[in-house]
Amino acid sequence: MSNAVYLDHNATSPVREEVAEAMMSAMRQVGNPSSVHAFGRRQRQLVEEARAEIAALVGALPQNVIFCGERYRSQ
């Protein structure tokens, strides 16, 4: 399948290696970013850092970057 081309990006899309590594690093940590305990605050910090980084990449304000859990919610 080395010559295969994947075109069904509605179902899933390939992820760049550096993105996968960043995601795995975050997923190995515990804590709900909405919680007030130390684990939650650390996760909130990671979310806000990611929000600011994405905002800078696209020339937006961080408060205008909204994360959602699935494609249907983002439409």
N, C-alpha and C. Protein backbone atom coordinates (compact mmCIF):
# COMPACT_ATOMS: atom_id res chain seq x y z
N MET A 1 0.81 -1.21 0.00
CA MET A 1 0.00 0.00 0.00
C MET A 1 0.85 1.26 0.00
N SER A 2 2.10 1.17 -0.36
CA SER A 2 2.97 2.34 -0.31
C SER A 2 2.56 3.41 -1.31
N ASN A 3 1.83 3.05 -2.36
CA ASN A 3 1.38 4.02 -3.36
C ASN A 3 -0.05 4.49 -3.11
N ALA A 4 -0.66 4.01 -2.04
CA ALA A 4 -2.06 4.35 -1.76
C ALA A 4 -2.17 5.81 -1.32
N VAL A 5 -3.29 6.41 -1.69
CA VAL A 5 -3.59 7.79 -1.30
C VAL A 5 -4.88 7.76 -0.50
N TYR A 6 -4.84 8.29 0.70
CA TYR A 6 -6.02 8.30 1.58
C TYR A 6 -6.81 9.58 1.32
N LEU A 7 -8.07 9.47 0.97
CA LEU A 7 -8.89 10.63 0.63
C LEU A 7 -10.11 10.81 1.53
N ASP A 8 -10.34 9.93 2.47
CA ASP A 8 -11.53 10.00 3.31
C ASP A 8 -11.26 10.84 4.57
N HIS A 9 -10.93 12.11 4.38
CA HIS A 9 -10.60 12.97 5.50
C HIS A 9 -11.82 13.39 6.32
N ASN A 10 -13.01 13.03 5.88
CA ASN A 10 -14.20 13.25 6.72
C ASN A 10 -14.19 12.29 7.90
N ALA A 11 -13.62 11.12 7.71
CA ALA A 11 -13.59 10.11 8.77
C ALA A 11 -12.41 10.33 9.71
N THR A 12 -11.24 10.52 9.15
CA THR A 12 -10.03 10.74 9.94
C THR A 12 -8.97 11.35 9.03
N SER A 13 -8.03 12.02 9.62
CA SER A 13 -6.95 12.65 8.84
C SER A 13 -5.61 12.25 9.42
N PRO A 14 -4.59 12.18 8.59
CA PRO A 14 -3.27 11.87 9.11
C PRO A 14 -2.80 12.98 10.05
N VAL A 15 -2.01 12.61 11.02
CA VAL A 15 -1.50 13.57 12.00
C VAL A 15 0.01 13.63 11.86
N ARG A 16 0.54 14.84 11.83
CA ARG A 16 1.98 15.01 11.77
C ARG A 16 2.62 14.45 13.03
N GLU A 17 3.82 13.94 12.91
CA GLU A 17 4.50 13.29 14.04
C GLU A 17 4.63 14.22 15.25
N GLU A 18 4.97 15.48 15.01
CA GLU A 18 5.14 16.40 16.14
C GLU A 18 3.81 16.69 16.84
N VAL A 19 2.72 16.64 16.10
CA VAL A 19 1.40 16.81 16.70
C VAL A 19 1.06 15.60 17.55
N ALA A 20 1.31 14.41 17.03
CA ALA A 20 1.04 13.19 17.78
C ALA A 20 1.86 13.16 19.07
N GLU A 21 3.11 13.57 19.00
CA GLU A 21 3.95 13.60 20.19
C GLU A 21 3.42 14.58 21.23
N ALA A 22 3.01 15.76 20.80
CA ALA A 22 2.45 16.74 21.73
C ALA A 22 1.16 16.24 22.36
N MET A 23 0.32 15.60 21.55
CA MET A 23 -0.93 15.06 22.07
C MET A 23 -0.66 13.96 23.09
N MET A 24 0.26 13.05 22.78
CA MET A 24 0.56 11.96 23.70
C MET A 24 1.13 12.48 25.00
N SER A 25 1.96 13.49 24.93
CA SER A 25 2.52 14.09 26.14
C SER A 25 1.41 14.65 27.03
N ALA A 26 0.46 15.34 26.43
CA ALA A 26 -0.64 15.91 27.19
C ALA A 26 -1.56 14.82 27.73
N MET A 27 -1.80 13.77 26.95
CA MET A 27 -2.72 12.72 27.38
C MET A 27 -2.14 11.83 28.47
N ARG A 28 -0.83 11.85 28.64
CA ARG A 28 -0.22 11.07 29.71
C ARG A 28 -0.39 11.75 31.07
N GLN A 29 -0.77 13.00 31.08
CA GLN A 29 -0.97 13.73 32.33
C GLN A 29 -2.42 13.59 32.77
N VAL A 30 -2.63 13.65 34.06
CA VAL A 30 -3.98 13.54 34.58
C VAL A 30 -4.50 14.91 34.97
N GLY A 31 -5.81 15.03 35.00
CA GLY A 31 -6.43 16.28 35.45
C GLY A 31 -7.42 16.80 34.44
N ASN A 32 -8.52 17.29 34.95
CA ASN A 32 -9.55 17.91 34.15
C ASN A 32 -9.29 19.41 34.16
N PRO A 33 -9.14 20.04 33.00
CA PRO A 33 -8.82 21.48 32.99
C PRO A 33 -9.90 22.36 33.60
N SER A 34 -11.05 21.80 33.87
CA SER A 34 -12.11 22.57 34.54
C SER A 34 -12.07 22.41 36.05
N SER A 35 -11.19 21.56 36.56
CA SER A 35 -11.09 21.34 38.00
C SER A 35 -10.19 22.38 38.64
N VAL A 36 -10.43 22.63 39.93
CA VAL A 36 -9.66 23.66 40.63
C VAL A 36 -8.44 23.12 41.36
N HIS A 37 -8.28 21.78 41.42
CA HIS A 37 -7.11 21.23 42.10
C HIS A 37 -5.87 21.40 41.22
N ALA A 38 -4.71 21.10 41.79
CA ALA A 38 -3.44 21.35 41.10
C ALA A 38 -3.34 20.63 39.76
N PHE A 39 -3.84 19.39 39.69
CA PHE A 39 -3.78 18.65 38.43
C PHE A 39 -4.62 19.36 37.36
N GLY A 40 -5.79 19.81 37.74
CA GLY A 40 -6.67 20.51 36.82
C GLY A 40 -6.09 21.84 36.37
N ARG A 41 -5.50 22.56 37.30
CA ARG A 41 -4.90 23.86 36.95
C ARG A 41 -3.75 23.68 35.97
N ARG A 42 -2.98 22.61 36.13
CA ARG A 42 -1.88 22.34 35.19
C ARG A 42 -2.43 22.02 33.80
N GLN A 43 -3.48 21.23 33.75
CA GLN A 43 -4.09 20.93 32.46
C GLN A 43 -4.66 22.20 31.83
N ARG A 44 -5.30 23.05 32.64
CA ARG A 44 -5.83 24.33 32.13
C ARG A 44 -4.70 25.16 31.54
N GLN A 45 -3.57 25.17 32.22
CA GLN A 45 -2.41 25.92 31.73
C GLN A 45 -1.98 25.40 30.36
N LEU A 46 -1.94 24.09 30.20
CA LEU A 46 -1.57 23.50 28.91
C LEU A 46 -2.57 23.88 27.82
N VAL A 47 -3.85 23.85 28.14
CA VAL A 47 -4.88 24.22 27.17
C VAL A 47 -4.70 25.67 26.75
N GLU A 48 -4.48 26.56 27.73
CA GLU A 48 -4.35 27.98 27.41
C GLU A 48 -3.07 28.27 26.63
N GLU A 49 -2.00 27.53 26.92
CA GLU A 49 -0.77 27.70 26.14
C GLU A 49 -1.01 27.27 24.69
N ALA A 50 -1.71 26.17 24.50
CA ALA A 50 -2.02 25.70 23.15
C ALA A 50 -2.91 26.71 22.43
N ARG A 51 -3.89 27.26 23.14
CA ARG A 51 -4.79 28.25 22.55
C ARG A 51 -4.01 29.48 22.08
N ALA A 52 -3.09 29.95 22.91
CA ALA A 52 -2.28 31.13 22.55
C ALA A 52 -1.37 30.83 21.37
N GLU A 53 -0.80 29.63 21.34
CA GLU A 53 0.08 29.27 20.24
C GLU A 53 -0.68 29.20 18.92
N ILE A 54 -1.85 28.59 18.94
CA ILE A 54 -2.67 28.51 17.73
C ILE A 54 -3.12 29.89 17.29
N ALA A 55 -3.53 30.71 18.24
CA ALA A 55 -3.96 32.08 17.91
C ALA A 55 -2.83 32.84 17.22
N ALA A 56 -1.63 32.72 17.73
CA ALA A 56 -0.49 33.42 17.13
C ALA A 56 -0.23 32.92 15.70
N LEU A 57 -0.40 31.62 15.48
CA LEU A 57 -0.17 31.05 14.15
C LEU A 57 -1.16 31.57 13.11
N VAL A 58 -2.39 31.82 13.53
CA VAL A 58 -3.42 32.23 12.57
C VAL A 58 -3.76 33.72 12.67
N GLY A 59 -3.05 34.46 13.53
CA GLY A 59 -3.29 35.90 13.65
C GLY A 59 -4.60 36.24 14.34
N ALA A 60 -4.95 35.46 15.35
CA ALA A 60 -6.21 35.68 16.07
C ALA A 60 -5.91 35.98 17.53
N LEU A 61 -6.91 36.43 18.22
CA LEU A 61 -6.81 36.59 19.67
C LEU A 61 -7.07 35.23 20.31
N PRO A 62 -6.35 34.91 21.39
CA PRO A 62 -6.56 33.60 22.03
C PRO A 62 -8.02 33.34 22.41
N GLN A 63 -8.73 34.35 22.86
CA GLN A 63 -10.12 34.14 23.27
C GLN A 63 -11.04 33.80 22.08
N ASN A 64 -10.53 33.97 20.87
CA ASN A 64 -11.32 33.62 19.68
C ASN A 64 -11.02 32.22 19.16
N VAL A 65 -10.10 31.51 19.82
CA VAL A 65 -9.80 30.12 19.46
C VAL A 65 -10.62 29.23 20.38
N ILE A 66 -11.50 28.45 19.78
CA ILE A 66 -12.41 27.60 20.55
C ILE A 66 -12.13 26.15 20.19
N PHE A 67 -11.91 25.35 21.20
CA PHE A 67 -11.70 23.91 21.01
C PHE A 67 -13.02 23.19 21.18
N CYS A 68 -13.27 22.22 20.33
CA CYS A 68 -14.47 21.41 20.47
C CYS A 68 -14.08 19.95 20.28
N GLY A 69 -14.92 19.08 20.76
CA GLY A 69 -14.58 17.68 20.79
C GLY A 69 -14.79 16.92 19.50
N GLU A 70 -15.54 17.48 18.58
CA GLU A 70 -15.83 16.74 17.36
C GLU A 70 -16.18 17.69 16.24
N ARG A 71 -16.07 17.20 15.02
CA ARG A 71 -16.30 18.03 13.84
C ARG A 71 -17.70 18.62 13.82
N TYR A 72 -18.69 17.84 14.20
CA TYR A 72 -20.07 18.30 14.09
C TYR A 72 -20.36 19.50 14.97
N ARG A 73 -19.69 19.59 16.09
CA ARG A 73 -19.88 20.73 16.98
C ARG A 73 -19.20 21.99 16.46
N SER A 74 -18.25 21.82 15.56
CA SER A 74 -17.51 22.98 15.06
C SER A 74 -18.17 23.64 13.85
N GLN A 75 -19.20 23.01 13.31
CA GLN A 75 -19.82 23.57 12.10
C GLN A 75 -20.82 24.64 12.44
